[in-house]
Each structure stands twice: as structure tokens, then as C-alpha cells.
Amino acid sequence: MTTDFVLAKVQTTLMTVLIVSAPVIIAAVVIGILVGLAQALTQIQDQTLPQAVKLIVVLVIIIVLGPLMADQIAEQASMALEEFPTVTR
């Protein structure tokens, strides 16, 4: 097991995490900005409003994209488990 092999596996794992988490993070940021802008324009000072809206949007995205995210994570885990015997030699 070489350093290049370990770095390649770490890189693919981090890219998988980035790809899987990106839709949720992007949606939360966009909704946060839009709700913050709407609050500033209407002068609403409620702090629970952005959190509730973000929570609902994130849950919807996880429900819609959950199977795709789970497939990517399962594929990464499957590759890691298949390579485990050769790595531990």
C-alpha cells in the first residue's frame, strides 16, 4: 500500500462527500439569503423564520435526492470493502 494509493482513496472519498452534500448546502445557503433579504425588506425580526424555511427545504431535498445520495455513498462503501483484503496484506 503506497502513499499514492491512500491519497487517491482519500481524494475520491472527499469528492464523494462533497458531491453528496453540495445540493443540501447550496439550497440552505440560497434559502438563507433569500429569506434574509425578504426579512430585511419587510423588517421582520423573527429569528425562527429562516431556520424553519431552511429545515423544510433541506428535508425536501433529502427526500427527493436521498436515493441518489445513498447510491453514491453505498458505491463508495462497496469499493472500500472490496479493496479491504488487498489493502490489509
PDB file of N, CA and C in Angstrom:
ATOM      1  N   MET A   1       0.858  -1.172   0.000  1.00  0.00           N
ATOM      2  CA  MET A   1       0.000   0.000   0.000  1.00  0.00           C
ATOM      3  C   MET A   1       0.902   1.232   0.000  1.00  0.00           C
ATOM      4  N   THR A   2       0.802   1.991  -1.060  1.00  0.00           N
ATOM      5  CA  THR A   2       1.655   3.159  -1.204  1.00  0.00           C
ATOM      6  C   THR A   2       0.923   4.422  -0.767  1.00  0.00           C
ATOM      7  N   THR A   3       1.691   5.460  -0.638  1.00  0.00           N
ATOM      8  CA  THR A   3       1.123   6.754  -0.265  1.00  0.00           C
ATOM      9  C   THR A   3       0.189   7.271  -1.355  1.00  0.00           C
ATOM     10  N   ASP A   4       0.560   7.024  -2.605  1.00  0.00           N
ATOM     11  CA  ASP A   4      -0.290   7.462  -3.716  1.00  0.00           C
ATOM     12  C   ASP A   4      -1.654   6.783  -3.680  1.00  0.00           C
ATOM     13  N   PHE A   5      -1.663   5.496  -3.336  1.00  0.00           N
ATOM     14  CA  PHE A   5      -2.921   4.756  -3.245  1.00  0.00           C
ATOM     15  C   PHE A   5      -3.811   5.341  -2.157  1.00  0.00           C
ATOM     16  N   VAL A   6      -3.232   5.618  -1.004  1.00  0.00           N
ATOM     17  CA  VAL A   6      -4.002   6.178   0.111  1.00  0.00           C
ATOM     18  C   VAL A   6      -4.526   7.563  -0.248  1.00  0.00           C
ATOM     19  N   LEU A   7      -3.684   8.382  -0.845  1.00  0.00           N
ATOM     20  CA  LEU A   7      -4.120   9.722  -1.240  1.00  0.00           C
ATOM     21  C   LEU A   7      -5.236   9.671  -2.281  1.00  0.00           C
ATOM     22  N   ALA A   8      -5.155   8.733  -3.200  1.00  0.00           N
ATOM     23  CA  ALA A   8      -6.209   8.592  -4.211  1.00  0.00           C
ATOM     24  C   ALA A   8      -7.527   8.191  -3.562  1.00  0.00           C
ATOM     25  N   LYS A   9      -7.473   7.280  -2.606  1.00  0.00           N
ATOM     26  CA  LYS A   9      -8.698   6.849  -1.919  1.00  0.00           C
ATOM     27  C   LYS A   9      -9.283   7.976  -1.071  1.00  0.00           C
ATOM     28  N   VAL A  10      -8.434   8.718  -0.400  1.00  0.00           N
ATOM     29  CA  VAL A  10      -8.913   9.850   0.397  1.00  0.00           C
ATOM     30  C   VAL A  10      -9.531  10.902  -0.512  1.00  0.00           C
ATOM     31  N   GLN A  11      -8.908  11.151  -1.650  1.00  0.00           N
ATOM     32  CA  GLN A  11      -9.435  12.139  -2.588  1.00  0.00           C
ATOM     33  C   GLN A  11     -10.797  11.720  -3.127  1.00  0.00           C
ATOM     34  N   THR A  12     -10.954  10.462  -3.517  1.00  0.00           N
ATOM     35  CA  THR A  12     -12.252  10.020  -4.033  1.00  0.00           C
ATOM     36  C   THR A  12     -13.323  10.052  -2.951  1.00  0.00           C
ATOM     37  N   THR A  13     -12.943   9.734  -1.724  1.00  0.00           N
ATOM     38  CA  THR A  13     -13.907   9.784  -0.622  1.00  0.00           C
ATOM     39  C   THR A  13     -14.341  11.212  -0.342  1.00  0.00           C
ATOM     40  N   LEU A  14     -13.404  12.134  -0.313  1.00  0.00           N
ATOM     41  CA  LEU A  14     -13.756  13.536  -0.075  1.00  0.00           C
ATOM     42  C   LEU A  14     -14.587  14.114  -1.215  1.00  0.00           C
ATOM     43  N   MET A  15     -14.292  13.719  -2.441  1.00  0.00           N
ATOM     44  CA  MET A  15     -15.102  14.183  -3.569  1.00  0.00           C
ATOM     45  C   MET A  15     -16.524  13.633  -3.485  1.00  0.00           C
ATOM     46  N   THR A  16     -16.659  12.389  -3.048  1.00  0.00           N
ATOM     47  CA  THR A  16     -17.993  11.815  -2.876  1.00  0.00           C
ATOM     48  C   THR A  16     -18.770  12.570  -1.813  1.00  0.00           C
ATOM     49  N   VAL A  17     -18.116  12.880  -0.704  1.00  0.00           N
ATOM     50  CA  VAL A  17     -18.773  13.645   0.360  1.00  0.00           C
ATOM     51  C   VAL A  17     -19.175  15.023  -0.148  1.00  0.00           C
ATOM     52  N   LEU A  18     -18.308  15.657  -0.897  1.00  0.00           N
ATOM     53  CA  LEU A  18     -18.607  16.982  -1.447  1.00  0.00           C
ATOM     54  C   LEU A  18     -19.785  16.932  -2.414  1.00  0.00           C
ATOM     55  N   ILE A  19     -19.787  15.949  -3.293  1.00  0.00           N
ATOM     56  CA  ILE A  19     -20.862  15.824  -4.280  1.00  0.00           C
ATOM     57  C   ILE A  19     -22.191  15.504  -3.609  1.00  0.00           C
ATOM     58  N   VAL A  20     -22.168  14.646  -2.607  1.00  0.00           N
ATOM     59  CA  VAL A  20     -23.408  14.255  -1.930  1.00  0.00           C
ATOM     60  C   VAL A  20     -23.968  15.398  -1.097  1.00  0.00           C
ATOM     61  N   SER A  21     -23.104  16.156  -0.447  1.00  0.00           N
ATOM     62  CA  SER A  21     -23.593  17.210   0.446  1.00  0.00           C
ATOM     63  C   SER A  21     -23.841  18.541  -0.260  1.00  0.00           C
ATOM     64  N   ALA A  22     -23.335  18.716  -1.464  1.00  0.00           N
ATOM     65  CA  ALA A  22     -23.452  20.000  -2.161  1.00  0.00           C
ATOM     66  C   ALA A  22     -24.888  20.468  -2.391  1.00  0.00           C
ATOM     67  N   PRO A  23     -25.803  19.629  -2.858  1.00  0.00           N
ATOM     68  CA  PRO A  23     -27.164  20.137  -3.087  1.00  0.00           C
ATOM     69  C   PRO A  23     -27.830  20.669  -1.819  1.00  0.00           C
ATOM     70  N   VAL A  24     -27.624  19.991  -0.715  1.00  0.00           N
ATOM     71  CA  VAL A  24     -28.237  20.422   0.545  1.00  0.00           C
ATOM     72  C   VAL A  24     -27.617  21.732   1.016  1.00  0.00           C
ATOM     73  N   ILE A  25     -26.310  21.833   0.952  1.00  0.00           N
ATOM     74  CA  ILE A  25     -25.627  23.046   1.411  1.00  0.00           C
ATOM     75  C   ILE A  25     -25.979  24.237   0.516  1.00  0.00           C
ATOM     76  N   ILE A  26     -25.975  24.026  -0.785  1.00  0.00           N
ATOM     77  CA  ILE A  26     -26.307  25.118  -1.706  1.00  0.00           C
ATOM     78  C   ILE A  26     -27.738  25.593  -1.487  1.00  0.00           C
ATOM     79  N   ALA A  27     -28.661  24.661  -1.319  1.00  0.00           N
ATOM     80  CA  ALA A  27     -30.058  25.045  -1.090  1.00  0.00           C
ATOM     81  C   ALA A  27     -30.210  25.816   0.213  1.00  0.00           C
ATOM     82  N   ALA A  28     -29.532  25.375   1.268  1.00  0.00           N
ATOM     83  CA  ALA A  28     -29.625  26.070   2.555  1.00  0.00           C
ATOM     84  C   ALA A  28     -29.058  27.485   2.460  1.00  0.00           C
ATOM     85  N   VAL A  29     -27.965  27.646   1.742  1.00  0.00           N
ATOM     86  CA  VAL A  29     -27.368  28.979   1.590  1.00  0.00           C
ATOM     87  C   VAL A  29     -28.281  29.893   0.779  1.00  0.00           C
ATOM     88  N   VAL A  30     -28.799  29.385  -0.329  1.00  0.00           N
ATOM     89  CA  VAL A  30     -29.675  30.205  -1.180  1.00  0.00           C
ATOM     90  C   VAL A  30     -30.942  30.593  -0.429  1.00  0.00           C
ATOM     91  N   ILE A  31     -31.557  29.648   0.256  1.00  0.00           N
ATOM     92  CA  ILE A  31     -32.773  29.950   1.020  1.00  0.00           C
ATOM     93  C   ILE A  31     -32.461  30.922   2.149  1.00  0.00           C
ATOM     94  N   GLY A  32     -31.334  30.757   2.803  1.00  0.00           N
ATOM     95  CA  GLY A  32     -30.949  31.684   3.868  1.00  0.00           C
ATOM     96  C   GLY A  32     -30.800  33.106   3.362  1.00  0.00           C
ATOM     97  N   ILE A  33     -30.172  33.255   2.205  1.00  0.00           N
ATOM     98  CA  ILE A  33     -30.005  34.593   1.623  1.00  0.00           C
ATOM     99  C   ILE A  33     -31.351  35.180   1.213  1.00  0.00           C
ATOM    100  N   LEU A  34     -32.181  34.371   0.555  1.00  0.00           N
ATOM    101  CA  LEU A  34     -33.487  34.871   0.110  1.00  0.00           C
ATOM    102  C   LEU A  34     -34.392  35.245   1.281  1.00  0.00           C
ATOM    103  N   VAL A  35     -34.433  34.411   2.304  1.00  0.00           N
ATOM    104  CA  VAL A  35     -35.269  34.719   3.467  1.00  0.00           C
ATOM    105  C   VAL A  35     -34.701  35.918   4.214  1.00  0.00           C
ATOM    106  N   GLY A  36     -33.390  36.007   4.323  1.00  0.00           N
ATOM    107  CA  GLY A  36     -32.772  37.173   4.961  1.00  0.00           C
ATOM    108  C   GLY A  36     -33.073  38.456   4.214  1.00  0.00           C
ATOM    109  N   LEU A  37     -33.032  38.388   2.891  1.00  0.00           N
ATOM    110  CA  LEU A  37     -33.373  39.550   2.077  1.00  0.00           C
ATOM    111  C   LEU A  37     -34.844  39.928   2.253  1.00  0.00           C
ATOM    112  N   ALA A  38     -35.712  38.929   2.259  1.00  0.00           N
ATOM    113  CA  ALA A  38     -37.143  39.202   2.464  1.00  0.00           C
ATOM    114  C   ALA A  38     -37.394  39.788   3.849  1.00  0.00           C
ATOM    115  N   GLN A  39     -36.677  39.306   4.854  1.00  0.00           N
ATOM    116  CA  GLN A  39     -36.826  39.858   6.204  1.00  0.00           C
ATOM    117  C   GLN A  39     -36.328  41.293   6.261  1.00  0.00           C
ATOM    118  N   ALA A  40     -35.254  41.575   5.577  1.00  0.00           N
ATOM    119  CA  ALA A  40     -34.731  42.943   5.580  1.00  0.00           C
ATOM    120  C   ALA A  40     -35.679  43.897   4.864  1.00  0.00           C
ATOM    121  N   LEU A  41     -36.272  43.436   3.784  1.00  0.00           N
ATOM    122  CA  LEU A  41     -37.193  44.291   3.034  1.00  0.00           C
ATOM    123  C   LEU A  41     -38.495  44.541   3.792  1.00  0.00           C
ATOM    124  N   THR A  42     -38.962  43.536   4.518  1.00  0.00           N
ATOM    125  CA  THR A  42     -40.230  43.681   5.243  1.00  0.00           C
ATOM    126  C   THR A  42     -40.025  44.061   6.702  1.00  0.00           C
ATOM    127  N   GLN A  43     -38.787  44.148   7.142  1.00  0.00           N
ATOM    128  CA  GLN A  43     -38.420  44.494   8.517  1.00  0.00           C
ATOM    129  C   GLN A  43     -39.006  43.523   9.543  1.00  0.00           C
ATOM    130  N   ILE A  44     -39.068  42.257   9.177  1.00  0.00           N
ATOM    131  CA  ILE A  44     -39.480  41.210  10.119  1.00  0.00           C
ATOM    132  C   ILE A  44     -38.234  40.780  10.883  1.00  0.00           C
ATOM    133  N   GLN A  45     -38.310  40.735  12.198  1.00  0.00           N
ATOM    134  CA  GLN A  45     -37.149  40.420  13.026  1.00  0.00           C
ATOM    135  C   GLN A  45     -37.208  39.022  13.638  1.00  0.00           C
ATOM    136  N   ASP A  46     -38.081  38.174  13.151  1.00  0.00           N
ATOM    137  CA  ASP A  46     -38.234  36.831  13.702  1.00  0.00           C
ATOM    138  C   ASP A  46     -37.021  35.974  13.332  1.00  0.00           C
ATOM    139  N   GLN A  47     -36.392  35.352  14.322  1.00  0.00           N
ATOM    140  CA  GLN A  47     -35.206  34.535  14.073  1.00  0.00           C
ATOM    141  C   GLN A  47     -35.552  33.093  13.721  1.00  0.00           C
ATOM    142  N   THR A  48     -36.765  32.658  14.042  1.00  0.00           N
ATOM    143  CA  THR A  48     -37.128  31.270  13.750  1.00  0.00           C
ATOM    144  C   THR A  48     -37.577  31.072  12.309  1.00  0.00           C
ATOM    145  N   LEU A  49     -37.982  32.125  11.646  1.00  0.00           N
ATOM    146  CA  LEU A  49     -38.467  32.013  10.268  1.00  0.00           C
ATOM    147  C   LEU A  49     -37.411  31.443   9.315  1.00  0.00           C
ATOM    148  N   PRO A  50     -36.192  31.977   9.277  1.00  0.00           N
ATOM    149  CA  PRO A  50     -35.214  31.397   8.339  1.00  0.00           C
ATOM    150  C   PRO A  50     -34.857  29.955   8.679  1.00  0.00           C
ATOM    151  N   GLN A  51     -34.809  29.634   9.962  1.00  0.00           N
ATOM    152  CA  GLN A  51     -34.466  28.271  10.350  1.00  0.00           C
ATOM    153  C   GLN A  51     -35.547  27.288   9.925  1.00  0.00           C
ATOM    154  N   ALA A  52     -36.801  27.676  10.105  1.00  0.00           N
ATOM    155  CA  ALA A  52     -37.905  26.795   9.722  1.00  0.00           C
ATOM    156  C   ALA A  52     -37.944  26.582   8.213  1.00  0.00           C
ATOM    157  N   VAL A  53     -37.754  27.647   7.459  1.00  0.00           N
ATOM    158  CA  VAL A  53     -37.777  27.529   5.995  1.00  0.00           C
ATOM    159  C   VAL A  53     -36.607  26.674   5.520  1.00  0.00           C
ATOM    160  N   LYS A  54     -35.418  26.901   6.070  1.00  0.00           N
ATOM    161  CA  LYS A  54     -34.252  26.099   5.687  1.00  0.00           C
ATOM    162  C   LYS A  54     -34.467  24.631   6.028  1.00  0.00           C
ATOM    163  N   LEU A  55     -35.029  24.369   7.196  1.00  0.00           N
ATOM    164  CA  LEU A  55     -35.273  22.990   7.616  1.00  0.00           C
ATOM    165  C   LEU A  55     -36.214  22.287   6.645  1.00  0.00           C
ATOM    166  N   ILE A  56     -37.281  22.957   6.265  1.00  0.00           N
ATOM    167  CA  ILE A  56     -38.244  22.362   5.335  1.00  0.00           C
ATOM    168  C   ILE A  56     -37.603  22.109   3.970  1.00  0.00           C
ATOM    169  N   VAL A  57     -36.860  23.081   3.464  1.00  0.00           N
ATOM    170  CA  VAL A  57     -36.223  22.925   2.148  1.00  0.00           C
ATOM    171  C   VAL A  57     -35.184  21.807   2.174  1.00  0.00           C
ATOM    172  N   VAL A  58     -34.391  21.746   3.223  1.00  0.00           N
ATOM    173  CA  VAL A  58     -33.372  20.698   3.329  1.00  0.00           C
ATOM    174  C   VAL A  58     -34.033  19.325   3.416  1.00  0.00           C
ATOM    175  N   LEU A  59     -35.100  19.206   4.177  1.00  0.00           N
ATOM    176  CA  LEU A  59     -35.800  17.924   4.263  1.00  0.00           C
ATOM    177  C   LEU A  59     -36.373  17.506   2.914  1.00  0.00           C
ATOM    178  N   VAL A  60     -36.939  18.449   2.176  1.00  0.00           N
ATOM    179  CA  VAL A  60     -37.482  18.128   0.850  1.00  0.00           C
ATOM    180  C   VAL A  60     -36.369  17.671  -0.087  1.00  0.00           C
ATOM    181  N   ILE A  61     -35.243  18.348  -0.045  1.00  0.00           N
ATOM    182  CA  ILE A  61     -34.124  17.961  -0.914  1.00  0.00           C
ATOM    183  C   ILE A  61     -33.597  16.584  -0.536  1.00  0.00           C
ATOM    184  N   ILE A  62     -33.511  16.305   0.752  1.00  0.00           N
ATOM    185  CA  ILE A  62     -33.049  14.982   1.176  1.00  0.00           C
ATOM    186  C   ILE A  62     -34.041  13.904   0.754  1.00  0.00           C
ATOM    187  N   ILE A  63     -35.332  14.194   0.843  1.00  0.00           N
ATOM    188  CA  ILE A  63     -36.335  13.213   0.420  1.00  0.00           C
ATOM    189  C   ILE A  63     -36.258  12.977  -1.089  1.00  0.00           C
ATOM    190  N   VAL A  64     -36.098  14.049  -1.855  1.00  0.00           N
ATOM    191  CA  VAL A  64     -36.072  13.923  -3.316  1.00  0.00           C
ATOM    192  C   VAL A  64     -34.763  13.301  -3.802  1.00  0.00           C
ATOM    193  N   LEU A  65     -33.642  13.790  -3.290  1.00  0.00           N
ATOM    194  CA  LEU A  65     -32.337  13.324  -3.769  1.00  0.00           C
ATOM    195  C   LEU A  65     -31.722  12.235  -2.897  1.00  0.00           C
ATOM    196  N   GLY A  66     -32.427  11.817  -1.865  1.00  0.00           N
ATOM    197  CA  GLY A  66     -31.906  10.812  -0.942  1.00  0.00           C
ATOM    198  C   GLY A  66     -31.462   9.522  -1.603  1.00  0.00           C
ATOM    199  N   PRO A  67     -32.279   8.943  -2.492  1.00  0.00           N
ATOM    200  CA  PRO A  67     -31.837   7.700  -3.140  1.00  0.00           C
ATOM    201  C   PRO A  67     -30.557   7.865  -3.955  1.00  0.00           C
ATOM    202  N   LEU A  68     -30.420   8.980  -4.648  1.00  0.00           N
ATOM    203  CA  LEU A  68     -29.200   9.231  -5.417  1.00  0.00           C
ATOM    204  C   LEU A  68     -27.995   9.377  -4.488  1.00  0.00           C
ATOM    205  N   MET A  69     -28.182  10.112  -3.399  1.00  0.00           N
ATOM    206  CA  MET A  69     -27.102  10.287  -2.427  1.00  0.00           C
ATOM    207  C   MET A  69     -26.722   8.948  -1.800  1.00  0.00           C
ATOM    208  N   ALA A  70     -27.721   8.161  -1.451  1.00  0.00           N
ATOM    209  CA  ALA A  70     -27.458   6.861  -0.832  1.00  0.00           C
ATOM    210  C   ALA A  70     -26.736   5.929  -1.795  1.00  0.00           C
ATOM    211  N   ASP A  71     -27.085   5.973  -3.078  1.00  0.00           N
ATOM    212  CA  ASP A  71     -26.398   5.140  -4.068  1.00  0.00           C
ATOM    213  C   ASP A  71     -24.920   5.497  -4.169  1.00  0.00           C
ATOM    214  N   GLN A  72     -24.617   6.784  -4.171  1.00  0.00           N
ATOM    215  CA  GLN A  72     -23.215   7.202  -4.267  1.00  0.00           C
ATOM    216  C   GLN A  72     -22.433   6.789  -3.022  1.00  0.00           C
ATOM    217  N   ILE A  73     -23.041   6.946  -1.858  1.00  0.00           N
ATOM    218  CA  ILE A  73     -22.371   6.551  -0.619  1.00  0.00           C
ATOM    219  C   ILE A  73     -22.198   5.037  -0.568  1.00  0.00           C
ATOM    220  N   ALA A  74     -23.225   4.296  -0.984  1.00  0.00           N
ATOM    221  CA  ALA A  74     -23.137   2.835  -0.990  1.00  0.00           C
ATOM    222  C   ALA A  74     -22.082   2.350  -1.979  1.00  0.00           C
ATOM    223  N   GLU A  75     -21.976   3.005  -3.117  1.00  0.00           N
ATOM    224  CA  GLU A  75     -20.955   2.631  -4.095  1.00  0.00           C
ATOM    225  C   GLU A  75     -19.553   2.858  -3.532  1.00  0.00           C
ATOM    226  N   GLN A  76     -19.362   3.978  -2.849  1.00  0.00           N
ATOM    227  CA  GLN A  76     -18.064   4.270  -2.239  1.00  0.00           C
ATOM    228  C   GLN A  76     -17.736   3.240  -1.154  1.00  0.00           C
ATOM    229  N   ALA A  77     -18.719   2.907  -0.334  1.00  0.00           N
ATOM    230  CA  ALA A  77     -18.501   1.915   0.722  1.00  0.00           C
ATOM    231  C   ALA A  77     -18.229   0.540   0.131  1.00  0.00           C
ATOM    232  N   SER A  78     -18.928   0.193  -0.934  1.00  0.00           N
ATOM    233  CA  SER A  78     -18.716  -1.096  -1.588  1.00  0.00           C
ATOM    234  C   SER A  78     -17.302  -1.204  -2.148  1.00  0.00           C
ATOM    235  N   MET A  79     -16.830  -0.136  -2.780  1.00  0.00           N
ATOM    236  CA  MET A  79     -15.460  -0.147  -3.306  1.00  0.00           C
ATOM    237  C   MET A  79     -14.447  -0.287  -2.176  1.00  0.00           C
ATOM    238  N   ALA A  80     -14.686   0.399  -1.067  1.00  0.00           N
ATOM    239  CA  ALA A  80     -13.757   0.322   0.061  1.00  0.00           C
ATOM    240  C   ALA A  80     -13.728  -1.087   0.644  1.00  0.00           C
ATOM    241  N   LEU A  81     -14.897  -1.712   0.756  1.00  0.00           N
ATOM    242  CA  LEU A  81     -14.945  -3.064   1.313  1.00  0.00           C
ATOM    243  C   LEU A  81     -14.365  -4.099   0.361  1.00  0.00           C
ATOM    244  N   GLU A  82     -14.508  -3.895  -0.941  1.00  0.00           N
ATOM    245  CA  GLU A  82     -13.907  -4.813  -1.908  1.00  0.00           C
ATOM    246  C   GLU A  82     -12.386  -4.733  -1.885  1.00  0.00           C
ATOM    247  N   GLU A  83     -11.847  -3.549  -1.658  1.00  0.00           N
ATOM    248  CA  GLU A  83     -10.397  -3.371  -1.658  1.00  0.00           C
ATOM    249  C   GLU A  83      -9.766  -3.671  -0.305  1.00  0.00           C
ATOM    250  N   PHE A  84     -10.573  -3.889   0.706  1.00  0.00           N
ATOM    251  CA  PHE A  84     -10.044  -4.088   2.052  1.00  0.00           C
ATOM    252  C   PHE A  84      -9.073  -5.261   2.153  1.00  0.00           C
ATOM    253  N   PRO A  85      -9.375  -6.435   1.590  1.00  0.00           N
ATOM    254  CA  PRO A  85      -8.412  -7.544   1.711  1.00  0.00           C
ATOM    255  C   PRO A  85      -7.055  -7.240   1.079  1.00  0.00           C
ATOM    256  N   THR A  86      -7.041  -6.552  -0.051  1.00  0.00           N
ATOM    257  CA  THR A  86      -5.757  -6.253  -0.688  1.00  0.00           C
ATOM    258  C   THR A  86      -5.002  -5.160   0.059  1.00  0.00           C
ATOM    259  N   VAL A  87      -5.725  -4.271   0.697  1.00  0.00           N
ATOM    260  CA  VAL A  87      -5.077  -3.178   1.423  1.00  0.00           C
ATOM    261  C   VAL A  87      -4.443  -3.681   2.710  1.00  0.00           C
ATOM    262  N   THR A  88      -5.058  -4.657   3.351  1.00  0.00           N
ATOM    263  CA  THR A  88      -4.565  -5.121   4.651  1.00  0.00           C
ATOM    264  C   THR A  88      -3.457  -6.154   4.541  1.00  0.00           C
ATOM    265  N   ARG A  89      -3.073  -6.530   3.339  1.00  0.00           N
ATOM    266  CA  ARG A  89      -1.983  -7.506   3.191  1.00  0.00           C
ATOM    267  C   ARG A  89      -0.653  -6.895   3.480  1.00  0.00           C
TER     268      ARG A  89
END
